[in-house]
Amino acid sequence: MESRTKRRLSAAELDALVRGALGTGVRSSEELADGFANAVWRLDLEDGRQVVLKVGPPPGLRLLTYERHLLRTEAMVYRLAEPAGLPLPSLLHAAFDDPVLGGDHLILSALDGVPWNQVSLSPAEEAPLRHELGRHLARLHTIPGTGVFGYPFAGLTGPSWREAFLVIVGALLDDAVHYGTVLPAPVEEITALITAAAPALDEVVTPSLVHFDIWPGNVFLTGEGRDRRIQALIDHERAFWGDPLADFITPTIFEEIREDDPLVTGYREAGGTLPITPGAQVRADLYRAYLYLILLVENGPRQYPEEAYARLRDLATSSLVRSLDALRVP
């Protein structure tokens, strides 16, 4: 989607960047438009390799508070998750505060699969893929942290998950005020509802690495028919240290987590613990409210085209209302 946060680089700039990083030039380039924040290109290199270049927003552009140093978070996940056996592209190069380009960029190995959202599948065909995805999430959640919850590179952290989450949501609501985001309830009311429900977060005592952006566009598939498998999980830039339950919110976006979902079955079979209890339901409602707030507030810095964004904004608004109503229930 078009966004004000996406950098525009010429062919000469792309070539110079890659030569400096990998020692070879660019034969051809294609901008990939599916992302929402970073500019992304698929590049054919002179040495025969295909790579993906991700370039962060211009350094002087204000983003949402939690979006500080997105690509540094993503690089951290690649370095932690690859040894754990997660299916990922390879991180070939990472540069932060680049003196020539400005800002951050990553170069990754290109994938030959297809994003899940570009494949038409029946529910029967999706079921084994959701089961496989659940197993991958269980592996992701075993990666040990340092004991700190939240977004370390954005400075939104806390010694407990409750403290970190309230800091994170508070920063997002401050962003909403800054950008004049239209929300379905006053900021003070949203803050009060989330704070009142926050004791449920004390059930989470160990920080797990959470992707929090597992939607079909970030899952690449390979193979055909019954042989179709997940090739890689991508776009780890929004990861945080927190509650594994939060990773079930985006794959069930605008819906509920169901016990019979193959995603849940695969997760549990791989050793993941996913209680669906009253306390867990409150936590899920909190994470849904947070996700829908992001979908509304992020339009502030990005300024999406109205026609492309209108449907998502309406869905996020109505879903946020439902999540807030759920938090009102004693």
C-alpha atoms as a PDB file:
ATOM      1  CA  MET A   1       0.000   0.000   0.000  1.00  0.00           C
ATOM      2  CA  GLU A   2       1.180   3.525  -0.690  1.00  0.00           C
ATOM      3  CA  SER A   3       2.485   5.196   2.461  1.00  0.00           C
ATOM      4  CA  ARG A   4       4.325   8.390   3.310  1.00  0.00           C
ATOM      5  CA  THR A   5       6.821   6.300   5.293  1.00  0.00           C
ATOM      6  CA  LYS A   6       8.203   4.504   2.229  1.00  0.00           C
ATOM      7  CA  ARG A   7      11.512   5.741   0.858  1.00  0.00           C
ATOM      8  CA  ARG A   8      12.034   6.373  -2.843  1.00  0.00           C
ATOM      9  CA  LEU A   9      15.438   5.269  -4.164  1.00  0.00           C
ATOM     10  CA  SER A  10      16.726   5.556  -7.705  1.00  0.00           C
ATOM     11  CA  ALA A  11      18.341   2.669  -9.589  1.00  0.00           C
ATOM     12  CA  ALA A  12      21.739   4.297  -9.002  1.00  0.00           C
ATOM     13  CA  GLU A  13      21.095   4.570  -5.256  1.00  0.00           C
ATOM     14  CA  LEU A  14      20.002   0.917  -5.054  1.00  0.00           C
ATOM     15  CA  ASP A  15      23.117  -0.169  -6.924  1.00  0.00           C
ATOM     16  CA  ALA A  16      25.457   1.870  -4.729  1.00  0.00           C
ATOM     17  CA  LEU A  17      23.846   0.581  -1.534  1.00  0.00           C
ATOM     18  CA  VAL A  18      24.109  -3.081  -2.562  1.00  0.00           C
ATOM     19  CA  ARG A  19      27.652  -2.728  -3.887  1.00  0.00           C
ATOM     20  CA  GLY A  20      28.743  -1.298  -0.567  1.00  0.00           C
ATOM     21  CA  ALA A  21      27.003  -4.070   1.376  1.00  0.00           C
ATOM     22  CA  LEU A  22      27.553  -7.191  -0.744  1.00  0.00           C
ATOM     23  CA  GLY A  23      30.293  -6.232  -3.199  1.00  0.00           C
ATOM     24  CA  THR A  24      28.161  -6.724  -6.303  1.00  0.00           C
ATOM     25  CA  GLY A  25      25.828  -4.532  -8.331  1.00  0.00           C
ATOM     26  CA  VAL A  26      22.138  -4.626  -9.184  1.00  0.00           C
ATOM     27  CA  ARG A  27      21.074  -6.000 -12.562  1.00  0.00           C
ATOM     28  CA  SER A  28      17.346  -5.282 -12.137  1.00  0.00           C
ATOM     29  CA  SER A  29      14.920  -4.270  -9.388  1.00  0.00           C
ATOM     30  CA  GLU A  30      11.231  -4.571  -8.571  1.00  0.00           C
ATOM     31  CA  GLU A  31       9.548  -2.682  -5.770  1.00  0.00           C
ATOM     32  CA  LEU A  32       7.250  -4.879  -3.666  1.00  0.00           C
ATOM     33  CA  ALA A  33       4.179  -2.896  -2.691  1.00  0.00           C
ATOM     34  CA  ASP A  34       2.452  -5.228  -0.209  1.00  0.00           C
ATOM     35  CA  GLY A  35       4.135  -3.797   2.897  1.00  0.00           C
ATOM     36  CA  PHE A  36       2.788  -0.903   4.933  1.00  0.00           C
ATOM     37  CA  ALA A  37       5.783   0.870   6.514  1.00  0.00           C
ATOM     38  CA  ASN A  38       9.170   0.060   4.968  1.00  0.00           C
ATOM     39  CA  ALA A  39      10.118   0.308   1.319  1.00  0.00           C
ATOM     40  CA  VAL A  40      10.989  -3.126  -0.076  1.00  0.00           C
ATOM     41  CA  TRP A  41      12.665  -4.178  -3.327  1.00  0.00           C
ATOM     42  CA  ARG A  42      13.409  -7.541  -4.883  1.00  0.00           C
ATOM     43  CA  LEU A  43      16.788  -7.275  -6.594  1.00  0.00           C
ATOM     44  CA  ASP A  44      18.545  -9.406  -9.194  1.00  0.00           C
ATOM     45  CA  LEU A  45      22.265  -9.058  -8.579  1.00  0.00           C
ATOM     46  CA  GLU A  46      25.142  -9.211 -11.013  1.00  0.00           C
ATOM     47  CA  ASP A  47      26.556 -12.282  -9.245  1.00  0.00           C
ATOM     48  CA  GLY A  48      23.340 -14.232  -9.912  1.00  0.00           C
ATOM     49  CA  ARG A  49      21.754 -13.947  -6.488  1.00  0.00           C
ATOM     50  CA  GLN A  50      18.277 -12.635  -5.778  1.00  0.00           C
ATOM     51  CA  VAL A  51      17.847 -10.636  -2.585  1.00  0.00           C
ATOM     52  CA  VAL A  52      15.283  -8.481  -0.832  1.00  0.00           C
ATOM     53  CA  LEU A  53      16.222  -5.008   0.364  1.00  0.00           C
ATOM     54  CA  LYS A  54      14.198  -3.397   3.162  1.00  0.00           C
ATOM     55  CA  VAL A  55      14.768   0.303   3.800  1.00  0.00           C
ATOM     56  CA  GLY A  56      13.335   2.014   6.859  1.00  0.00           C
ATOM     57  CA  PRO A  57      11.435   5.303   6.771  1.00  0.00           C
ATOM     58  CA  PRO A  58      13.344   8.595   6.461  1.00  0.00           C
ATOM     59  CA  PRO A  59      15.168   9.330   9.731  1.00  0.00           C
ATOM     60  CA  GLY A  60      13.399  12.643  10.303  1.00  0.00           C
ATOM     61  CA  LEU A  61       9.875  11.314   9.829  1.00  0.00           C
ATOM     62  CA  ARG A  62       7.895  10.846  13.027  1.00  0.00           C
ATOM     63  CA  LEU A  63       6.392   7.367  13.337  1.00  0.00           C
ATOM     64  CA  LEU A  64       4.302   5.719  16.013  1.00  0.00           C
ATOM     65  CA  THR A  65       6.301   5.462  19.222  1.00  0.00           C
ATOM     66  CA  TYR A  66       6.496   1.667  19.156  1.00  0.00           C
ATOM     67  CA  GLU A  67       7.829   1.826  15.569  1.00  0.00           C
ATOM     68  CA  ARG A  68      11.193   3.287  16.552  1.00  0.00           C
ATOM     69  CA  HIS A  69      14.006   1.169  15.057  1.00  0.00           C
ATOM     70  CA  LEU A  70      11.705  -1.378  13.427  1.00  0.00           C
ATOM     71  CA  LEU A  71      14.489  -2.917  11.360  1.00  0.00           C
ATOM     72  CA  ARG A  72      16.713  -3.310  14.406  1.00  0.00           C
ATOM     73  CA  THR A  73      13.960  -5.390  15.969  1.00  0.00           C
ATOM     74  CA  GLU A  74      13.684  -7.450  12.806  1.00  0.00           C
ATOM     75  CA  ALA A  75      17.435  -8.064  12.668  1.00  0.00           C
ATOM     76  CA  MET A  76      17.323  -9.195  16.314  1.00  0.00           C
ATOM     77  CA  VAL A  77      14.596 -11.727  15.511  1.00  0.00           C
ATOM     78  CA  TYR A  78      16.531 -13.183  12.573  1.00  0.00           C
ATOM     79  CA  ARG A  79      19.600 -13.624  14.744  1.00  0.00           C
ATOM     80  CA  LEU A  80      17.631 -15.295  17.521  1.00  0.00           C
ATOM     81  CA  ALA A  81      15.142 -17.346  15.505  1.00  0.00           C
ATOM     82  CA  GLU A  82      17.384 -18.892  12.868  1.00  0.00           C
ATOM     83  CA  PRO A  83      19.342 -21.002  15.428  1.00  0.00           C
ATOM     84  CA  ALA A  84      15.983 -22.101  16.863  1.00  0.00           C
ATOM     85  CA  GLY A  85      15.064 -23.693  13.522  1.00  0.00           C
ATOM     86  CA  LEU A  86      12.349 -21.271  12.410  1.00  0.00           C
ATOM     87  CA  PRO A  87      11.835 -21.167   8.630  1.00  0.00           C
ATOM     88  CA  LEU A  88      13.180 -17.738   7.643  1.00  0.00           C
ATOM     89  CA  PRO A  89      15.016 -15.933   4.875  1.00  0.00           C
ATOM     90  CA  SER A  90      18.711 -15.482   5.616  1.00  0.00           C
ATOM     91  CA  LEU A  91      19.840 -12.121   6.940  1.00  0.00           C
ATOM     92  CA  LEU A  92      22.729 -11.162   4.631  1.00  0.00           C
ATOM     93  CA  HIS A  93      23.427  -7.616   5.777  1.00  0.00           C
ATOM     94  CA  ALA A  94      22.143  -5.116   8.339  1.00  0.00           C
ATOM     95  CA  ALA A  95      23.094  -1.452   8.549  1.00  0.00           C
ATOM     96  CA  PHE A  96      21.852   1.050  11.112  1.00  0.00           C
ATOM     97  CA  ASP A  97      22.197   4.842  10.885  1.00  0.00           C
ATOM     98  CA  ASP A  98      23.772   4.445   7.450  1.00  0.00           C
ATOM     99  CA  PRO A  99      25.919   7.570   6.887  1.00  0.00           C
ATOM    100  CA  VAL A 100      25.120   7.789   3.149  1.00  0.00           C
ATOM    101  CA  LEU A 101      21.504   6.664   2.887  1.00  0.00           C
ATOM    102  CA  GLY A 102      20.437   7.677   6.394  1.00  0.00           C
ATOM    103  CA  GLY A 103      18.359   5.378   8.567  1.00  0.00           C
ATOM    104  CA  ASP A 104      18.432   1.593   8.639  1.00  0.00           C
ATOM    105  CA  HIS A 105      18.268  -1.161   6.034  1.00  0.00           C
ATOM    106  CA  LEU A 106      18.410  -4.946   5.787  1.00  0.00           C
ATOM    107  CA  ILE A 107      19.294  -7.271   2.926  1.00  0.00           C
ATOM    108  CA  LEU A 108      17.715 -10.727   3.010  1.00  0.00           C
ATOM    109  CA  SER A 109      17.837 -13.765   0.786  1.00  0.00           C
ATOM    110  CA  ALA A 110      14.896 -13.815  -1.642  1.00  0.00           C
ATOM    111  CA  LEU A 111      12.240 -16.517  -1.380  1.00  0.00           C
ATOM    112  CA  ASP A 112      10.886 -18.488  -4.325  1.00  0.00           C
ATOM    113  CA  GLY A 113       7.559 -19.245  -2.674  1.00  0.00           C
ATOM    114  CA  VAL A 114       4.293 -17.299  -2.737  1.00  0.00           C
ATOM    115  CA  PRO A 115       2.664 -15.271   0.056  1.00  0.00           C
ATOM    116  CA  TRP A 116      -0.288 -17.118   1.546  1.00  0.00           C
ATOM    117  CA  ASN A 117      -2.622 -14.189   0.810  1.00  0.00           C
ATOM    118  CA  GLN A 118      -1.945 -14.602  -2.913  1.00  0.00           C
ATOM    119  CA  VAL A 119      -3.064 -18.246  -3.026  1.00  0.00           C
ATOM    120  CA  SER A 120      -6.695 -19.319  -3.195  1.00  0.00           C
ATOM    121  CA  LEU A 121      -7.193 -22.239  -0.808  1.00  0.00           C
ATOM    122  CA  SER A 122     -10.211 -24.109   0.486  1.00  0.00           C
ATOM    123  CA  PRO A 123     -10.682 -24.537   4.262  1.00  0.00           C
ATOM    124  CA  ALA A 124      -9.535 -28.152   3.886  1.00  0.00           C
ATOM    125  CA  GLU A 125      -6.350 -27.004   2.157  1.00  0.00           C
ATOM    126  CA  GLU A 126      -5.707 -24.293   4.748  1.00  0.00           C
ATOM    127  CA  ALA A 127      -6.108 -26.592   7.754  1.00  0.00           C
ATOM    128  CA  PRO A 128      -2.707 -28.378   7.501  1.00  0.00           C
ATOM    129  CA  LEU A 129      -0.987 -25.047   6.884  1.00  0.00           C
ATOM    130  CA  ARG A 130      -2.550 -23.524   9.989  1.00  0.00           C
ATOM    131  CA  HIS A 131      -1.496 -26.621  11.908  1.00  0.00           C
ATOM    132  CA  GLU A 132       2.079 -26.173  10.643  1.00  0.00           C
ATOM    133  CA  LEU A 133       1.994 -22.471  11.498  1.00  0.00           C
ATOM    134  CA  GLY A 134       0.959 -23.329  15.051  1.00  0.00           C
ATOM    135  CA  ARG A 135       4.000 -25.581  15.380  1.00  0.00           C
ATOM    136  CA  HIS A 136       6.294 -22.801  14.155  1.00  0.00           C
ATOM    137  CA  LEU A 137       4.791 -20.354  16.656  1.00  0.00           C
ATOM    138  CA  ALA A 138       5.406 -22.829  19.477  1.00  0.00           C
ATOM    139  CA  ARG A 139       9.073 -22.943  18.478  1.00  0.00           C
ATOM    140  CA  LEU A 140       9.287 -19.146  18.269  1.00  0.00           C
ATOM    141  CA  HIS A 141       7.905 -18.810  21.776  1.00  0.00           C
ATOM    142  CA  THR A 142      10.662 -20.994  23.251  1.00  0.00           C
ATOM    143  CA  ILE A 143      13.369 -18.441  22.395  1.00  0.00           C
ATOM    144  CA  PRO A 144      14.684 -17.153  25.743  1.00  0.00           C
ATOM    145  CA  GLY A 145      14.609 -13.454  26.526  1.00  0.00           C
ATOM    146  CA  THR A 146      16.511 -11.286  28.960  1.00  0.00           C
ATOM    147  CA  GLY A 147      13.697 -10.877  31.477  1.00  0.00           C
ATOM    148  CA  VAL A 148      12.477  -7.534  30.084  1.00  0.00           C
ATOM    149  CA  PHE A 149       8.978  -7.205  28.618  1.00  0.00           C
ATOM    150  CA  GLY A 150       7.952  -4.948  25.732  1.00  0.00           C
ATOM    151  CA  TYR A 151       9.743  -3.276  22.800  1.00  0.00           C
ATOM    152  CA  PRO A 152      13.391  -2.773  23.858  1.00  0.00           C
ATOM    153  CA  PHE A 153      14.487  -0.820  20.779  1.00  0.00           C
ATOM    154  CA  ALA A 154      11.546   1.566  21.138  1.00  0.00           C
ATOM    155  CA  GLY A 155      12.183   2.106  24.837  1.00  0.00           C
ATOM    156  CA  LEU A 156       8.730   0.753  25.761  1.00  0.00           C
ATOM    157  CA  THR A 157       9.528  -1.837  28.402  1.00  0.00           C
ATOM    158  CA  GLY A 158       8.740  -2.891  31.929  1.00  0.00           C
ATOM    159  CA  PRO A 159       9.801  -5.455  34.546  1.00  0.00           C
ATOM    160  CA  SER A 160       6.360  -7.097  34.340  1.00  0.00           C
ATOM    161  CA  TRP A 161       4.077  -7.714  31.371  1.00  0.00           C
ATOM    162  CA  ARG A 162       1.326  -5.597  32.938  1.00  0.00           C
ATOM    163  CA  GLU A 163       3.645  -2.611  33.356  1.00  0.00           C
ATOM    164  CA  ALA A 164       5.101  -2.973  29.859  1.00  0.00           C
ATOM    165  CA  PHE A 165       1.711  -3.357  28.186  1.00  0.00           C
ATOM    166  CA  LEU A 166       0.290  -0.273  29.889  1.00  0.00           C
ATOM    167  CA  VAL A 167       3.358   1.717  28.782  1.00  0.00           C
ATOM    168  CA  ILE A 168       2.903   0.410  25.208  1.00  0.00           C
ATOM    169  CA  VAL A 169      -0.804   1.233  25.028  1.00  0.00           C
ATOM    170  CA  GLY A 170      -0.254   4.596  26.703  1.00  0.00           C
ATOM    171  CA  ALA A 171       2.323   5.523  24.055  1.00  0.00           C
ATOM    172  CA  LEU A 172      -0.062   4.490  21.259  1.00  0.00           C
ATOM    173  CA  LEU A 173      -2.887   6.579  22.722  1.00  0.00           C
ATOM    174  CA  ASP A 174      -0.491   9.527  22.999  1.00  0.00           C
ATOM    175  CA  ASP A 175       0.216   9.012  19.292  1.00  0.00           C
ATOM    176  CA  ALA A 176      -3.537   9.029  18.636  1.00  0.00           C
ATOM    177  CA  VAL A 177      -3.815  12.413  20.334  1.00  0.00           C
ATOM    178  CA  HIS A 178      -0.810  13.760  18.405  1.00  0.00           C
ATOM    179  CA  TYR A 179      -2.235  12.729  15.028  1.00  0.00           C
ATOM    180  CA  GLY A 180      -5.839  13.578  15.853  1.00  0.00           C
ATOM    181  CA  THR A 181      -6.967   9.998  15.203  1.00  0.00           C
ATOM    182  CA  VAL A 182     -10.728   9.555  15.316  1.00  0.00           C
ATOM    183  CA  LEU A 183     -11.454   6.763  17.802  1.00  0.00           C
ATOM    184  CA  PRO A 184     -14.850   5.271  18.748  1.00  0.00           C
ATOM    185  CA  ALA A 185     -14.397   6.272  22.402  1.00  0.00           C
ATOM    186  CA  PRO A 186     -12.510   9.035  24.247  1.00  0.00           C
ATOM    187  CA  VAL A 187      -8.861   8.290  24.995  1.00  0.00           C
ATOM    188  CA  GLU A 188      -9.556   8.594  28.735  1.00  0.00           C
ATOM    189  CA  GLU A 189     -12.280   5.949  28.542  1.00  0.00           C
ATOM    190  CA  ILE A 190     -10.085   3.553  26.562  1.00  0.00           C
ATOM    191  CA  THR A 191      -7.257   4.046  29.047  1.00  0.00           C
ATOM    192  CA  ALA A 192      -9.559   3.363  32.000  1.00  0.00           C
ATOM    193  CA  LEU A 193     -10.981   0.173  30.455  1.00  0.00           C
ATOM    194  CA  ILE A 194      -7.549  -1.230  29.621  1.00  0.00           C
ATOM    195  CA  THR A 195      -6.103  -0.315  33.016  1.00  0.00           C
ATOM    196  CA  ALA A 196      -9.020  -1.930  34.845  1.00  0.00           C
ATOM    197  CA  ALA A 197      -8.537  -5.181  32.894  1.00  0.00           C
ATOM    198  CA  ALA A 198      -4.731  -5.158  33.138  1.00  0.00           C
ATOM    199  CA  PRO A 199      -4.425  -7.343  36.291  1.00  0.00           C
ATOM    200  CA  ALA A 200      -5.191 -10.319  34.009  1.00  0.00           C
ATOM    201  CA  LEU A 201      -1.762  -9.725  32.434  1.00  0.00           C
ATOM    202  CA  ASP A 202      -0.077 -10.742  35.684  1.00  0.00           C
ATOM    203  CA  GLU A 203      -0.687 -14.361  34.641  1.00  0.00           C
ATOM    204  CA  VAL A 204       2.257 -13.887  32.238  1.00  0.00           C
ATOM    205  CA  VAL A 205       5.504 -14.133  34.208  1.00  0.00           C
ATOM    206  CA  THR A 206       8.067 -15.010  31.508  1.00  0.00           C
ATOM    207  CA  PRO A 207       8.642 -12.872  28.385  1.00  0.00           C
ATOM    208  CA  SER A 208       8.344 -14.815  25.123  1.00  0.00           C
ATOM    209  CA  LEU A 209       9.314 -13.567  21.686  1.00  0.00           C
ATOM    210  CA  VAL A 210       6.044 -12.630  19.970  1.00  0.00           C
ATOM    211  CA  HIS A 211       5.818 -11.857  16.240  1.00  0.00           C
ATOM    212  CA  PHE A 212       2.445 -10.026  16.480  1.00  0.00           C
ATOM    213  CA  ASP A 213       2.102  -9.671  12.705  1.00  0.00           C
ATOM    214  CA  ILE A 214       1.355 -13.223  11.573  1.00  0.00           C
ATOM    215  CA  TRP A 215      -1.149 -12.630   8.798  1.00  0.00           C
ATOM    216  CA  PRO A 216      -1.170 -14.501   5.445  1.00  0.00           C
ATOM    217  CA  GLY A 217       0.918 -11.840   3.712  1.00  0.00           C
ATOM    218  CA  ASN A 218       3.795 -12.598   6.093  1.00  0.00           C
ATOM    219  CA  VAL A 219       3.738 -16.360   5.520  1.00  0.00           C
ATOM    220  CA  PHE A 220       5.340 -17.729   2.342  1.00  0.00           C
ATOM    221  CA  LEU A 221       4.201 -21.064   0.923  1.00  0.00           C
ATOM    222  CA  THR A 222       5.938 -23.494  -1.374  1.00  0.00           C
ATOM    223  CA  GLY A 223       4.783 -26.630  -3.212  1.00  0.00           C
ATOM    224  CA  GLU A 224       1.401 -27.531  -4.673  1.00  0.00           C
ATOM    225  CA  GLY A 225      -1.689 -29.368  -3.490  1.00  0.00           C
ATOM    226  CA  ARG A 226      -1.070 -31.761  -0.598  1.00  0.00           C
ATOM    227  CA  ASP A 227       2.650 -31.010  -0.781  1.00  0.00           C
ATOM    228  CA  ARG A 228       2.161 -27.302  -0.023  1.00  0.00           C
ATOM    229  CA  ARG A 229       4.156 -26.235   3.024  1.00  0.00           C
ATOM    230  CA  ILE A 230       5.253 -23.080   4.806  1.00  0.00           C
ATOM    231  CA  GLN A 231       8.542 -21.888   3.339  1.00  0.00           C
ATOM    232  CA  ALA A 232       9.206 -18.947   5.646  1.00  0.00           C
ATOM    233  CA  LEU A 233       7.824 -16.437   8.115  1.00  0.00           C
ATOM    234  CA  ILE A 234       8.761 -12.844   7.277  1.00  0.00           C
ATOM    235  CA  ASP A 235       8.423  -9.253   8.537  1.00  0.00           C
ATOM    236  CA  HIS A 236       9.443  -9.657  12.166  1.00  0.00           C
ATOM    237  CA  GLU A 237       9.835  -5.922  12.726  1.00  0.00           C
ATOM    238  CA  ARG A 238       6.859  -5.601  15.111  1.00  0.00           C
ATOM    239  CA  ALA A 239       8.026  -8.325  17.453  1.00  0.00           C
ATOM    240  CA  PHE A 240       8.025  -7.758  21.197  1.00  0.00           C
ATOM    241  CA  TRP A 241       8.732  -9.691  24.384  1.00  0.00           C
ATOM    242  CA  GLY A 242       5.457 -10.610  26.008  1.00  0.00           C
ATOM    243  CA  ASP A 243       2.573 -13.081  26.094  1.00  0.00           C
ATOM    244  CA  PRO A 244       2.528 -15.949  23.531  1.00  0.00           C
ATOM    245  CA  LEU A 245      -1.264 -15.652  23.439  1.00  0.00           C
ATOM    246  CA  ALA A 246      -0.846 -12.352  21.580  1.00  0.00           C
ATOM    247  CA  ASP A 247       0.447 -14.239  18.533  1.00  0.00           C
ATOM    248  CA  PHE A 248      -3.006 -15.753  18.030  1.00  0.00           C
ATOM    249  CA  ILE A 249      -4.684 -12.374  17.567  1.00  0.00           C
ATOM    250  CA  THR A 250      -3.510 -11.468  14.068  1.00  0.00           C
ATOM    251  CA  PRO A 251      -4.077 -14.973  12.583  1.00  0.00           C
ATOM    252  CA  THR A 252      -7.669 -14.748  13.879  1.00  0.00           C
ATOM    253  CA  ILE A 253      -8.106 -11.026  13.161  1.00  0.00           C
ATOM    254  CA  PHE A 254     -11.705  -9.779  13.418  1.00  0.00           C
ATOM    255  CA  GLU A 255     -12.675 -13.216  14.817  1.00  0.00           C
ATOM    256  CA  GLU A 256     -12.222 -15.298  17.988  1.00  0.00           C
ATOM    257  CA  ILE A 257      -9.658 -17.950  18.970  1.00  0.00           C
ATOM    258  CA  ARG A 258     -11.333 -21.355  18.648  1.00  0.00           C
ATOM    259  CA  GLU A 259     -10.330 -24.614  20.332  1.00  0.00           C
ATOM    260  CA  ASP A 260     -10.895 -26.499  17.049  1.00  0.00           C
ATOM    261  CA  ASP A 261      -8.618 -24.215  15.021  1.00  0.00           C
ATOM    262  CA  PRO A 262      -5.738 -26.300  13.559  1.00  0.00           C
ATOM    263  CA  LEU A 263      -3.474 -23.388  14.527  1.00  0.00           C
ATOM    264  CA  VAL A 264      -4.225 -24.111  18.198  1.00  0.00           C
ATOM    265  CA  THR A 265      -3.913 -27.879  17.738  1.00  0.00           C
ATOM    266  CA  GLY A 266      -0.521 -27.587  16.037  1.00  0.00           C
ATOM    267  CA  TYR A 267       0.717 -25.195  18.693  1.00  0.00           C
ATOM    268  CA  ARG A 268      -0.201 -27.535  21.526  1.00  0.00           C
ATOM    269  CA  GLU A 269       1.163 -30.619  19.769  1.00  0.00           C
ATOM    270  CA  ALA A 270       4.526 -28.832  19.467  1.00  0.00           C
ATOM    271  CA  GLY A 271       4.589 -28.167  23.204  1.00  0.00           C
ATOM    272  CA  GLY A 272       2.970 -24.745  23.344  1.00  0.00           C
ATOM    273  CA  THR A 273       0.647 -23.900  26.229  1.00  0.00           C
ATOM    274  CA  LEU A 274      -2.506 -22.039  25.260  1.00  0.00           C
ATOM    275  CA  PRO A 275      -5.133 -21.932  27.989  1.00  0.00           C
ATOM    276  CA  ILE A 276      -8.508 -20.630  26.909  1.00  0.00           C
ATOM    277  CA  THR A 277      -9.700 -19.552  30.357  1.00  0.00           C
ATOM    278  CA  PRO A 278     -11.570 -16.460  31.604  1.00  0.00           C
ATOM    279  CA  GLY A 279      -8.258 -14.748  32.357  1.00  0.00           C
ATOM    280  CA  ALA A 280      -6.867 -15.644  28.956  1.00  0.00           C
ATOM    281  CA  GLN A 281     -10.038 -14.296  27.336  1.00  0.00           C
ATOM    282  CA  VAL A 282      -9.492 -10.929  29.026  1.00  0.00           C
ATOM    283  CA  ARG A 283      -5.891 -10.903  27.828  1.00  0.00           C
ATOM    284  CA  ALA A 284      -7.027 -11.716  24.284  1.00  0.00           C
ATOM    285  CA  ASP A 285      -9.530  -8.844  24.407  1.00  0.00           C
ATOM    286  CA  LEU A 286      -6.741  -6.503  25.520  1.00  0.00           C
ATOM    287  CA  TYR A 287      -4.495  -7.605  22.638  1.00  0.00           C
ATOM    288  CA  ARG A 288      -7.326  -7.240  20.131  1.00  0.00           C
ATOM    289  CA  ALA A 289      -7.996  -3.717  21.367  1.00  0.00           C
ATOM    290  CA  TYR A 290      -4.295  -2.927  20.990  1.00  0.00           C
ATOM    291  CA  LEU A 291      -4.152  -4.327  17.445  1.00  0.00           C
ATOM    292  CA  TYR A 292      -7.246  -2.439  16.301  1.00  0.00           C
ATOM    293  CA  LEU A 293      -5.883   0.763  17.838  1.00  0.00           C
ATOM    294  CA  ILE A 294      -2.682   0.279  15.826  1.00  0.00           C
ATOM    295  CA  LEU A 295      -4.672  -0.138  12.601  1.00  0.00           C
ATOM    296  CA  LEU A 296      -6.409   3.180  13.276  1.00  0.00           C
ATOM    297  CA  VAL A 297      -3.557   5.274  14.663  1.00  0.00           C
ATOM    298  CA  GLU A 298      -0.926   4.224  12.108  1.00  0.00           C
ATOM    299  CA  ASN A 299      -2.743   6.150   9.389  1.00  0.00           C
ATOM    300  CA  GLY A 300      -1.481   9.313  11.100  1.00  0.00           C
ATOM    301  CA  PRO A 301       2.154   9.080   9.995  1.00  0.00           C
ATOM    302  CA  ARG A 302       1.473   7.017   6.868  1.00  0.00           C
ATOM    303  CA  GLN A 303      -1.432   8.879   5.275  1.00  0.00           C
ATOM    304  CA  TYR A 304      -2.810   5.927   3.325  1.00  0.00           C
ATOM    305  CA  PRO A 305      -4.874   6.616   0.186  1.00  0.00           C
ATOM    306  CA  GLU A 306      -8.458   7.003   1.394  1.00  0.00           C
ATOM    307  CA  GLU A 307      -9.984   4.544  -1.057  1.00  0.00           C
ATOM    308  CA  ALA A 308      -7.498   1.803  -0.166  1.00  0.00           C
ATOM    309  CA  TYR A 309      -7.720   2.369   3.587  1.00  0.00           C
ATOM    310  CA  ALA A 310     -11.456   2.969   4.134  1.00  0.00           C
ATOM    311  CA  ARG A 311     -12.540  -0.672   4.473  1.00  0.00           C
ATOM    312  CA  LEU A 312      -9.727  -1.557   6.895  1.00  0.00           C
ATOM    313  CA  ARG A 313     -10.460   1.540   8.984  1.00  0.00           C
ATOM    314  CA  ASP A 314     -14.162   0.631   9.221  1.00  0.00           C
ATOM    315  CA  LEU A 315     -13.398  -2.973  10.202  1.00  0.00           C
ATOM    316  CA  ALA A 316     -10.855  -1.865  12.798  1.00  0.00           C
ATOM    317  CA  THR A 317     -13.278   0.666  14.266  1.00  0.00           C
ATOM    318  CA  SER A 318     -16.178  -1.760  14.647  1.00  0.00           C
ATOM    319  CA  SER A 319     -13.852  -4.462  16.004  1.00  0.00           C
ATOM    320  CA  LEU A 320     -12.335  -2.055  18.519  1.00  0.00           C
ATOM    321  CA  VAL A 321     -15.840  -1.230  19.749  1.00  0.00           C
ATOM    322  CA  ARG A 322     -16.524  -4.949  20.309  1.00  0.00           C
ATOM    323  CA  SER A 323     -13.224  -5.431  22.159  1.00  0.00           C
ATOM    324  CA  LEU A 324     -13.863  -2.448  24.414  1.00  0.00           C
ATOM    325  CA  ASP A 325     -17.386  -3.690  25.104  1.00  0.00           C
ATOM    326  CA  ALA A 326     -15.935  -7.067  26.102  1.00  0.00           C
ATOM    327  CA  LEU A 327     -13.596  -5.341  28.557  1.00  0.00           C
ATOM    328  CA  ARG A 328     -16.593  -3.596  30.136  1.00  0.00           C
ATOM    329  CA  VAL A 329     -18.088  -6.922  31.186  1.00  0.00           C
ATOM    330  CA  PRO A 330     -17.236  -7.524  34.865  1.00  0.00           C
END
